[in-house]
Amino acid sequence: MTIINDAEEIKARLKTEGKAIDIDPKQQINDILIMNGQMEAVRREYQVKDRNSQMKASNVILTS
């Protein structure tokens, strides 16, 4: 059985092509935490709007 792992080759190729950059892990983690907080706020806002929409829709009486 042969395990094929091209990850290092791909990483080197991407660096030479300028498609990969080195990052500052502390800054990246901080940025990710900020983005996660913003996304959580968006999710909560969506859930509130969805819940309110469902409640309003349940109060509508359809007549024909």
Protein backbone atom coordinates (compact mmCIF):
# COMPACT_ATOMS: atom_id res chain seq x y z
CA MET A 1 0.00 0.00 0.00
CA THR A 2 1.38 3.40 -0.95
CA ILE A 3 0.18 6.59 0.68
CA ILE A 4 0.19 9.52 -1.72
CA ASN A 5 0.46 12.97 -0.13
CA ASP A 6 0.97 15.86 -2.52
CA ALA A 7 0.27 18.54 0.11
CA GLU A 8 3.86 19.78 0.38
CA GLU A 9 4.26 19.91 -3.39
CA ILE A 10 1.01 21.83 -3.77
CA LYS A 11 1.95 24.26 -0.99
CA ALA A 12 5.33 24.96 -2.63
CA ARG A 13 3.72 25.47 -6.05
CA LEU A 14 1.13 27.88 -4.66
CA LYS A 15 3.84 29.89 -2.90
CA THR A 16 5.87 30.20 -6.09
CA GLU A 17 2.74 31.28 -7.99
CA GLY A 18 1.99 33.90 -5.34
CA LYS A 19 -1.34 32.30 -4.44
CA ALA A 20 -0.35 31.43 -0.88
CA ILE A 21 0.99 33.74 1.79
CA ASP A 22 2.36 33.33 5.29
CA ILE A 23 0.06 34.63 7.95
CA ASP A 24 0.37 35.93 11.46
CA PRO A 25 -1.45 33.26 13.50
CA LYS A 26 -2.37 35.61 16.37
CA GLN A 27 -3.81 38.20 14.01
CA GLN A 28 -5.63 35.53 11.98
CA ILE A 29 -7.20 34.03 15.10
CA ASN A 30 -8.28 37.49 16.24
CA ASP A 31 -9.80 38.22 12.82
CA ILE A 32 -11.60 34.86 12.81
CA LEU A 33 -13.04 35.51 16.28
CA ILE A 34 -14.29 38.93 15.18
CA MET A 35 -15.85 37.46 12.04
CA ASN A 36 -17.49 34.65 14.04
CA GLY A 37 -19.01 37.22 16.40
CA GLN A 38 -20.39 39.20 13.48
CA MET A 39 -21.81 36.08 11.86
CA GLU A 40 -23.47 35.04 15.12
CA ALA A 41 -25.12 38.46 15.34
CA VAL A 42 -26.40 38.09 11.77
CA ARG A 43 -27.75 34.59 12.53
CA ARG A 44 -29.56 35.84 15.63
CA GLU A 45 -31.06 38.77 13.71
CA TYR A 46 -32.26 36.40 10.98
CA GLN A 47 -33.81 34.04 13.54
CA VAL A 48 -35.67 36.91 15.22
CA LYS A 49 -36.98 38.20 11.88
CA ASP A 50 -37.99 34.69 10.82
CA ARG A 51 -39.78 34.05 14.11
CA ASN A 52 -41.61 37.39 13.89
CA SER A 53 -42.61 36.66 10.30
CA GLN A 54 -44.01 33.26 11.27
CA MET A 55 -45.97 34.78 14.15
CA LYS A 56 -47.45 37.47 11.89
CA ALA A 57 -48.30 34.88 9.26
CA SER A 58 -50.12 32.76 11.84
CA ASN A 59 -52.37 35.72 12.66
CA VAL A 60 -53.43 36.28 9.07
CA ILE A 61 -56.91 35.04 8.25
CA LEU A 62 -57.27 34.08 4.64
CA THR A 63 -60.65 34.72 3.10
CA SER A 64 -61.85 33.92 -0.38
